[in-house]
Protein backbone atom coordinates (compact mmCIF):
# COMPACT_ATOMS: atom_id res chain seq x y z
CA MET A 1 35.44 146.57 96.73
CA ALA A 2 31.36 144.81 95.52
CA THR A 3 32.33 146.03 92.35
CA ARG A 4 35.94 144.11 91.84
CA ALA A 5 34.01 141.76 93.76
CA HIS A 6 31.09 140.84 91.30
CA HIS A 7 33.15 141.88 87.97
CA THR A 8 36.65 138.93 89.49
CA THR A 9 33.01 137.21 89.41
CA TRP A 10 31.50 137.91 86.16
CA GLN A 11 35.15 137.45 85.22
CA GLN A 12 35.48 133.94 86.14
CA THR A 13 31.52 133.29 85.14
CA VAL A 14 32.14 134.14 81.55
CA ALA A 15 35.62 132.55 81.24
CA LYS A 16 33.92 129.05 82.64
CA LEU A 17 31.08 129.82 80.11
CA THR A 18 33.90 130.04 77.98
CA ALA A 19 36.07 126.31 78.97
CA LEU A 20 32.34 125.06 79.21
CA ILE A 21 31.82 126.39 74.74
CA ALA A 22 34.98 125.05 74.01
CA MET A 23 35.67 121.48 75.37
CA LEU A 24 31.40 120.68 73.16
CA ILE A 25 32.98 122.32 70.25
CA GLY A 26 35.82 119.82 71.58
CA GLN A 27 33.88 116.94 72.10
CA SER A 28 32.03 117.66 69.12
CA SER A 29 35.08 117.06 67.02
CA MET A 30 36.34 114.74 68.26
CA ALA A 31 34.24 112.22 67.83
CA ALA A 32 34.94 108.84 67.76
CA THR A 33 34.75 106.16 64.63
CA THR A 34 34.63 103.51 63.90
CA THR A 35 35.29 101.82 60.05
CA GLY A 36 33.43 98.55 58.60
CA THR A 37 33.80 96.80 55.25
CA LEU A 38 31.10 96.66 52.59
CA ASN A 39 31.04 93.54 50.90
CA VAL A 40 29.77 94.64 46.74
CA SER A 41 29.17 92.08 44.30
CA ALA A 42 27.50 89.77 41.58
CA THR A 43 27.08 87.48 39.07
CA VAL A 44 27.48 87.54 36.04
CA THR A 45 24.91 84.80 33.91
CA ASP A 46 25.23 83.84 30.38
CA TYR A 47 23.16 85.92 27.87
CA CYS A 48 22.72 86.51 24.76
CA GLU A 49 20.42 88.75 22.24
CA LEU A 50 19.20 89.14 19.21
CA GLY A 51 20.45 92.76 17.99
CA ALA A 52 17.18 92.60 15.43
CA THR A 53 14.17 89.97 15.92
CA THR A 54 12.91 90.65 11.93
CA VAL A 55 15.47 89.56 9.42
CA SER A 56 14.93 90.37 5.63
CA LEU A 57 16.60 88.37 3.12
CA ASN A 58 15.96 89.49 -0.64
CA LEU A 59 16.59 86.76 -3.27
CA GLY A 60 15.45 88.60 -5.96
CA SER A 61 13.95 87.91 -9.35
CA TYR A 62 14.45 84.85 -10.70
CA THR A 63 13.66 82.76 -13.75
CA PRO A 64 14.75 79.27 -14.10
CA ALA A 65 17.44 79.56 -16.18
CA ALA A 66 19.92 80.03 -13.47
CA ASP A 67 20.08 80.46 -9.40
CA SER A 68 18.81 83.48 -7.37
CA THR A 69 21.16 84.41 -4.35
CA GLN A 70 21.76 86.55 -1.70
CA ASN A 71 23.38 87.31 2.02
CA THR A 72 21.87 88.73 4.45
CA VAL A 73 23.72 89.09 8.02
CA ILE A 74 22.03 87.78 11.41
CA GLN A 75 24.02 89.97 15.02
CA VAL A 76 24.37 88.34 17.25
CA ARG A 77 25.44 89.62 21.61
CA CYS A 78 26.42 87.23 24.13
CA THR A 79 28.31 88.39 27.06
CA LEU A 80 31.98 87.84 26.93
CA GLY A 81 32.69 83.22 26.95
CA THR A 82 29.21 82.89 26.53
CA THR A 83 28.20 79.86 23.92
CA TYR A 84 25.30 79.86 21.76
CA ASN A 85 23.56 77.99 18.92
CA VAL A 86 21.84 80.06 15.81
CA GLY A 87 19.19 77.80 14.16
CA LEU A 88 16.79 78.01 11.37
CA GLY A 89 13.05 76.55 11.52
CA LEU A 90 12.51 74.81 8.02
CA GLY A 91 10.50 78.47 7.77
CA THR A 92 5.85 78.34 7.30
CA TYR A 93 5.68 76.67 3.99
CA ALA A 94 7.70 73.60 4.51
CA SER A 95 7.48 70.70 2.98
CA GLY A 96 9.29 67.30 4.45
CA SER A 97 12.84 69.55 4.62
CA THR A 98 12.66 71.10 1.74
CA ARG A 99 12.18 75.21 2.67
CA ARG A 100 9.78 76.11 0.54
CA LEU A 101 8.48 79.75 -1.09
CA ARG A 102 4.59 80.61 -1.68
CA HIS A 103 2.70 82.24 -4.31
CA ALA A 104 0.79 85.66 -2.53
CA THR A 105 -1.68 84.79 -4.74
CA ASP A 106 -2.15 81.85 -5.18
CA ASN A 107 -1.16 79.24 -1.92
CA THR A 108 -1.26 76.17 -3.62
CA VAL A 109 2.31 77.36 -6.23
CA TYR A 110 5.51 77.27 -4.23
CA MET A 111 9.16 77.74 -4.81
CA ASN A 112 11.98 75.47 -3.99
CA TYR A 113 14.25 77.23 -1.62
CA GLU A 114 17.59 77.05 0.35
CA LEU A 115 19.42 78.81 3.47
CA TYR A 116 23.28 78.48 3.73
CA GLN A 117 25.60 79.31 5.91
CA SER A 118 28.79 82.22 5.08
CA ASP A 119 30.36 78.94 3.21
CA GLY A 120 27.64 79.42 0.75
CA THR A 121 27.11 75.21 0.22
CA THR A 122 26.37 73.72 4.24
CA VAL A 123 22.76 74.41 5.28
CA TRP A 124 22.21 76.00 7.50
CA GLN A 125 19.87 73.69 10.72
CA ALA A 126 17.18 73.88 12.96
CA PRO A 127 18.48 74.10 16.52
CA GLY A 128 18.98 70.25 18.07
CA GLN A 129 20.60 69.79 14.43
CA ALA A 130 24.03 70.15 13.21
CA GLY A 131 24.22 72.62 10.99
CA VAL A 132 23.53 75.72 13.85
CA VAL A 133 26.62 77.77 13.57
CA SER A 134 27.60 77.91 17.13
CA SER A 135 30.20 80.11 18.46
CA THR A 136 31.42 82.38 21.54
CA GLY A 137 30.65 85.36 22.93
CA THR A 138 32.91 88.64 22.53
CA GLY A 139 30.92 91.38 24.00
CA ALA A 140 29.48 92.43 21.46
CA SER A 141 28.08 92.15 18.33
CA GLN A 142 29.35 89.11 15.64
CA ASN A 143 27.42 89.25 12.06
CA LEU A 144 26.72 86.00 11.07
CA THR A 145 25.86 85.79 7.13
CA VAL A 146 22.59 83.93 5.68
CA VAL A 147 22.76 82.67 1.99
CA GLY A 148 20.10 82.17 0.97
CA LYS A 149 19.06 80.58 -2.77
CA ILE A 150 16.72 79.98 -5.08
CA PRO A 151 17.45 76.61 -7.14
CA SER A 152 17.64 76.51 -10.84
CA ALA A 153 14.99 74.83 -12.84
CA GLN A 154 12.16 75.65 -11.40
CA TRP A 155 10.19 76.06 -14.75
CA GLY A 156 6.43 75.25 -12.73
CA VAL A 157 6.44 78.56 -10.61
CA LYS A 158 3.44 80.57 -11.72
CA GLN A 159 4.88 85.29 -12.14
CA GLY A 160 4.08 86.85 -8.30
CA SER A 161 5.60 88.00 -5.53
CA TYR A 162 6.99 85.16 -3.32
CA SER A 163 7.69 85.31 0.30
CA ASP A 164 8.36 82.86 3.56
CA SER A 165 9.19 82.83 7.30
CA VAL A 166 11.81 81.21 9.60
CA VAL A 167 11.65 81.39 12.51
CA ILE A 168 15.66 82.60 13.75
CA THR A 169 16.48 80.72 17.06
CA VAL A 170 20.02 81.55 19.99
CA THR A 171 20.14 78.86 22.30
CA PHE A 172 22.68 79.23 25.20
CA PRO A 173 22.86 77.58 28.26
């Protein structure tokens, strides 16, 4: 009988331990939970950028018998709905409001030229003036055509290369 009582106590101990383990496992899988909300936000500001910070316009070979005209493209990309203006400065060698190219080796010789909007007749002016190009951003790159013209009948120019540097300014709110 002592063996049987011992065996019964042993069975009761194992049963109690099994119940305790089951209870502990059950409690961990039945842990209490609660939920909440994480509010995430951002603000998009007006923003624009040039597709390239350096754009080239080669006006080709010039003879005084005819205008020399060539085009190039300025790419501007702005966030959707951003209004912007693009102005072109007068250039490094301007005289008053006249844009001029300077001879590469004789800095006393200049040749007049002008920059126009895509219609080829409206002068593209500097920021703050009436002749800037205005548009609204679409989120994609927008191509703005610049038409460069050297007017005919400039007989006092010297053979050789000429150049100028014009600042492109994009303004947006």
